[in-house]
Structures are given as structure tokens and as C-alpha cells.
Amino acid sequence: MKALTVTDTELRIFARHVPVRCHQVALDAGCGSGNFSRQLHRFGYDVIALDFAHSALEAARRTPLPGVTYLHHDLDQGDPPGLQYRGIDLVVCRLVLPLLRDPVRWVRRVRDRWLRPGGRMYLVIPVGEHADQFGRMTEQQISALCDGWAKSVRYDLRSTSACLVLRAPRPRWRAGRAKLRHPERLTAGSPMTTRRTSSPPVPRGARPAMPVGP
């Protein structure tokens, strides 16, 4: 499938719907050559970027950045090795979701196992008219992805792609009972933790602007 160019318009709308705090952890699932991974870094995230294609990862690594880690992983094969339970603030998946064996199941796994409570998922999905269109999903299939999330926002990117911003539920506290402790987030010693030392609007505390690049 032809890659979707990262445009200023997409980044501006993304920043409007996805609140960012510096040093949060983002995971780019199906990162390709790393275009969006580098933008996440510019927004202030520590980035874990996954892809199944070795050639794509080789291309991405030609533009190394501190705080961006590229790893080989097949999204249909469960959790990436070393991923800490509910330790991710944001999961991005652009164009890849319709290619997975069971997109709905994978999205629920991200919600229940990858994202911290209140974390976000950002999806860009090519829209098709029929369920058997390769690399596309119907409006009904896209709507099913929103079940079980605390909040969902849908908007269209151009006329052929739908964007979803999904927010994971937070624990509900009950009066008279001790508060539950949230699972630990990724720490500096974790195998998948990263460190790091014109353009569309960027959140407060973000890094200086850098070009989108190829």
C-alpha cells in the first residue's frame, strides 16, 4: 500500500486531539520508514517504533534520533518482547490496521494490555465500500473499533481515510475502598525504554521543529 504522506494538516489536527506531555512514551505500530515516528519525537515523546519489514526499518534507521528506538515485530504475533503491561501513553497505527488478521481483537489488546489508563490510540484507516477490499475497512467495521473505549473522536483525513482518536478507560474508584495502584510505566531500566536529551502548532514543551523528511 502506498504510504500516506505526513502533512501539516494531519499534524495540526492530531495535536488538537492528543494532549502531549514531554517524556511520555509513544508506540508507532507499523512505522514504515519512520516518518510519523520522527514527528512524535518532535512533539516530545520517547518513541518505540515497530515494523515487520526489515527494509523499512533499515530506511528508518538512516535518520537516527535520540529517544527513538526501531524494533522488528509482527503485530499479529502478540505483544512485543519486553513491553511493560499498560506502560504506553499513546499507540499510533497508520494504514496498517486493515492488514492485520483480526483488527478489532488487536485494538482491544492494545486497550487492555498496552495503554496506561487514560492513554490514547491514534488510527488512520483507509475506508472502503466492501468488507473484502484489501487494505481497507468499511464504515461498519470502523465503528466497531470504538466499542469499550472511554471516548472516541472520528474525523476524515482527505476523502479516503478515517482517523480515530480513542481514549482508554480509567479505573473507577469506590467510596470507602483504598485506591488501586496503577501498573508501573516504562522506566529507564526497561528493555524497551528510550531516552533523549514553517511547521504546524506543537504542544507546550515540545522539541524544536524539524522537517517531515522522506
Protein backbone atom coordinates (compact mmCIF):
# COMPACT_ATOMS: atom_id res chain seq x y z
CA MET A 1 0.00 0.00 0.00
CA LYS A 2 1.21 3.47 -0.85
CA ALA A 3 2.32 5.39 2.23
CA LEU A 4 0.22 8.34 3.36
CA THR A 5 2.32 11.49 3.46
CA VAL A 6 2.53 13.17 6.85
CA THR A 7 1.07 16.62 6.20
CA ASP A 8 0.90 19.78 8.30
CA THR A 9 -2.89 19.38 8.33
CA GLU A 10 -2.72 15.91 9.83
CA LEU A 11 -0.22 17.01 12.47
CA ARG A 12 -2.24 20.09 13.39
CA ILE A 13 -5.44 18.07 13.92
CA PHE A 14 -3.50 15.35 15.73
CA ALA A 15 -2.09 17.90 18.20
CA ARG A 16 -5.59 19.25 18.79
CA HIS A 17 -7.00 15.86 19.83
CA VAL A 18 -3.99 14.20 21.52
CA PRO A 19 -2.67 16.03 24.57
CA VAL A 20 1.10 15.71 24.91
CA ARG A 21 3.40 15.93 27.90
CA CYS A 22 7.12 15.69 27.35
CA HIS A 23 8.74 12.32 28.03
CA GLN A 24 5.55 10.34 27.57
CA VAL A 25 6.02 7.06 25.71
CA ALA A 26 4.51 6.56 22.26
CA LEU A 27 4.50 3.35 20.24
CA ASP A 28 4.27 3.60 16.44
CA ALA A 29 2.85 0.27 15.25
CA GLY A 30 3.75 -0.32 11.61
CA CYS A 31 6.15 2.62 11.47
CA GLY A 32 7.42 2.01 7.93
CA SER A 33 10.35 4.31 7.16
CA GLY A 34 9.72 6.29 10.36
CA ASN A 35 8.02 9.46 9.08
CA PHE A 36 5.45 9.67 11.85
CA SER A 37 7.86 8.30 14.46
CA ARG A 38 10.11 11.31 13.87
CA GLN A 39 7.16 13.68 14.24
CA LEU A 40 6.21 12.04 17.53
CA HIS A 41 9.78 12.66 18.68
CA ARG A 42 9.45 16.33 17.71
CA PHE A 43 6.25 16.57 19.77
CA GLY A 44 8.25 15.43 22.81
CA TYR A 45 7.59 11.68 23.02
CA ASP A 46 10.03 8.89 23.66
CA VAL A 47 9.20 6.61 20.73
CA ILE A 48 9.16 2.84 20.25
CA ALA A 49 8.66 2.14 16.53
CA LEU A 50 7.69 -1.34 15.31
CA ASP A 51 7.60 -2.82 11.83
CA PHE A 52 7.66 -6.28 10.27
CA ALA A 53 9.61 -5.26 7.18
CA HIS A 54 13.39 -5.24 7.63
CA SER A 55 13.80 -2.96 4.62
CA ALA A 56 11.51 -0.34 6.17
CA LEU A 57 13.41 -0.47 9.45
CA GLU A 58 16.72 -0.09 7.63
CA ALA A 59 15.38 3.03 5.91
CA ALA A 60 14.08 4.43 9.22
CA ARG A 61 17.42 3.88 10.97
CA ARG A 62 19.20 6.01 8.40
CA THR A 63 17.80 9.01 10.30
CA PRO A 64 18.71 8.15 13.89
CA LEU A 65 17.31 10.27 16.71
CA PRO A 66 17.94 10.03 20.46
CA GLY A 67 14.78 8.72 22.08
CA VAL A 68 13.53 6.81 19.02
CA THR A 69 14.02 3.04 19.02
CA TYR A 70 13.18 0.92 15.96
CA LEU A 71 12.32 -2.74 16.58
CA HIS A 72 11.33 -5.66 14.38
CA HIS A 73 7.96 -7.14 15.33
CA ASP A 74 4.96 -8.79 13.66
CA LEU A 75 1.81 -7.21 15.11
CA ASP A 76 -0.09 -10.46 14.54
CA GLN A 77 2.26 -12.24 16.95
CA GLY A 78 1.04 -10.76 20.24
CA ASP A 79 2.91 -8.31 22.45
CA PRO A 80 6.42 -7.11 21.55
CA PRO A 81 9.12 -8.67 23.75
CA GLY A 82 9.82 -6.52 26.81
CA LEU A 83 6.65 -4.46 26.56
CA GLN A 84 5.56 -3.49 30.06
CA TYR A 85 1.93 -4.09 30.92
CA ARG A 86 -0.07 -0.87 30.50
CA GLY A 87 3.06 1.20 30.15
CA ILE A 88 2.34 3.16 26.94
CA ASP A 89 0.80 6.65 26.77
CA LEU A 90 0.00 6.65 23.04
CA VAL A 91 -0.23 3.97 20.36
CA VAL A 92 -0.23 5.09 16.72
CA CYS A 93 -1.27 2.83 13.85
CA ARG A 94 -1.46 4.50 10.44
CA LEU A 95 -2.77 2.46 7.45
CA VAL A 96 -1.70 -0.89 8.91
CA LEU A 97 -4.80 -1.97 10.85
CA PRO A 98 -6.79 -3.42 7.89
CA LEU A 99 -3.81 -5.67 7.07
CA LEU A 100 -3.94 -7.49 10.41
CA ARG A 101 -5.66 -10.85 10.82
CA ASP A 102 -8.18 -9.57 13.38
CA PRO A 103 -8.14 -5.75 13.62
CA VAL A 104 -10.84 -5.50 16.31
CA ARG A 105 -9.12 -8.03 18.55
CA TRP A 106 -5.77 -6.26 18.14
CA VAL A 107 -7.26 -2.86 19.04
CA ARG A 108 -8.82 -4.36 22.18
CA ARG A 109 -5.49 -5.94 23.12
CA VAL A 110 -3.80 -2.55 22.85
CA ARG A 111 -6.50 -1.00 25.05
CA ASP A 112 -6.39 -3.73 27.70
CA ARG A 113 -2.67 -4.56 27.80
CA TRP A 114 -0.56 -1.82 26.21
CA LEU A 115 -2.11 1.52 27.13
CA ARG A 116 -1.99 3.06 30.57
CA PRO A 117 -5.41 4.08 31.98
CA GLY A 118 -6.48 7.19 30.09
CA GLY A 119 -3.93 6.57 27.32
CA ARG A 120 -4.74 7.30 23.67
CA MET A 121 -4.78 5.34 20.44
CA TYR A 122 -4.50 7.13 17.09
CA LEU A 123 -5.65 5.24 14.00
CA VAL A 124 -5.61 6.20 10.32
CA ILE A 125 -7.73 3.75 8.32
CA PRO A 126 -8.37 3.67 4.57
CA VAL A 127 -12.13 3.47 4.00
CA GLY A 128 -13.69 1.02 1.55
CA GLU A 129 -17.20 0.19 0.44
CA HIS A 130 -16.88 -3.58 0.76
CA ALA A 131 -15.50 -5.77 3.56
CA ASP A 132 -13.30 -7.73 1.15
CA GLN A 133 -11.37 -4.70 -0.15
CA PHE A 134 -7.71 -5.34 0.61
CA GLY A 135 -6.15 -2.78 2.95
CA ARG A 136 -9.45 -1.04 3.68
CA MET A 137 -12.28 -1.21 6.21
CA THR A 138 -15.96 -0.38 5.88
CA GLU A 139 -17.71 2.25 7.97
CA GLN A 140 -19.38 -0.53 9.97
CA GLN A 141 -16.04 -2.17 10.73
CA ILE A 142 -14.53 1.16 11.74
CA SER A 143 -17.44 1.88 14.05
CA ALA A 144 -16.92 -1.46 15.82
CA LEU A 145 -13.41 -0.38 16.81
CA CYS A 146 -14.86 2.25 19.17
CA ASP A 147 -16.63 -0.21 21.48
CA GLY A 148 -15.30 -0.32 25.03
CA TRP A 149 -13.36 2.97 24.99
CA ALA A 150 -14.00 5.86 27.36
CA LYS A 151 -14.13 8.31 24.45
CA SER A 152 -13.79 8.20 20.68
CA VAL A 153 -13.32 11.01 18.16
CA ARG A 154 -13.76 10.40 14.43
CA TYR A 155 -12.75 12.73 11.62
CA ASP A 156 -11.78 12.29 7.99
CA LEU A 157 -8.31 12.84 6.59
CA ARG A 158 -8.86 13.65 2.96
CA SER A 159 -11.79 11.76 1.45
CA THR A 160 -10.38 8.25 1.62
CA SER A 161 -9.07 7.83 5.18
CA ALA A 162 -10.77 7.92 8.57
CA CYS A 163 -8.96 9.00 11.73
CA LEU A 164 -9.93 7.70 15.15
CA VAL A 165 -8.62 9.01 18.46
CA LEU A 166 -9.61 6.57 21.21
CA ARG A 167 -9.10 7.10 24.93
CA ALA A 168 -8.69 4.13 27.26
CA PRO A 169 -10.93 3.92 30.35
CA ARG A 170 -9.64 4.93 33.77
CA PRO A 171 -10.28 2.86 36.91
CA ARG A 172 -13.42 3.80 38.80
CA TRP A 173 -12.79 4.46 42.48
CA ARG A 174 -15.36 3.31 45.02
CA ALA A 175 -16.07 5.23 48.21
CA GLY A 176 -14.70 3.59 51.32
CA ARG A 177 -12.15 1.50 49.45
CA ALA A 178 -8.44 2.14 49.01
CA LYS A 179 -7.40 3.45 45.63
CA LEU A 180 -5.91 0.89 43.30
CA ARG A 181 -2.35 1.47 42.21
CA HIS A 182 -1.83 1.92 38.52
CA PRO A 183 0.53 -0.58 36.87
CA GLU A 184 4.06 0.73 36.62
CA ARG A 185 5.03 2.58 33.48
CA LEU A 186 8.15 2.06 31.44
CA THR A 187 11.24 3.05 33.39
CA ALA A 188 14.79 3.84 32.44
CA GLY A 189 15.92 0.26 33.00
CA SER A 190 13.20 -1.32 30.88
CA PRO A 191 14.35 -3.14 27.72
CA MET A 192 12.01 -1.03 25.57
CA THR A 193 12.58 2.35 27.24
CA THR A 194 14.22 5.14 25.29
CA ARG A 195 15.98 8.30 26.46
CA ARG A 196 16.61 11.61 24.77
CA THR A 197 18.29 14.62 25.78
CA SER A 198 7.17 26.71 8.62
CA SER A 199 5.67 23.74 10.99
CA PRO A 200 2.24 23.03 12.48
CA PRO A 201 1.50 24.05 16.08
CA VAL A 202 3.18 21.77 18.60
CA PRO A 203 2.31 21.19 22.26
CA ARG A 204 3.99 23.10 25.08
CA GLY A 205 7.39 21.71 25.91
CA ALA A 206 7.85 20.05 22.53
CA ARG A 207 11.18 19.92 20.75
CA PRO A 208 12.21 22.49 18.12
CA ALA A 209 10.64 21.94 14.71
CA MET A 210 12.27 19.56 12.26
CA PRO A 211 11.30 18.77 8.67
CA VAL A 212 9.00 15.86 7.97
CA GLY A 213 11.60 14.21 5.78
CA PRO A 214 11.17 11.33 3.32
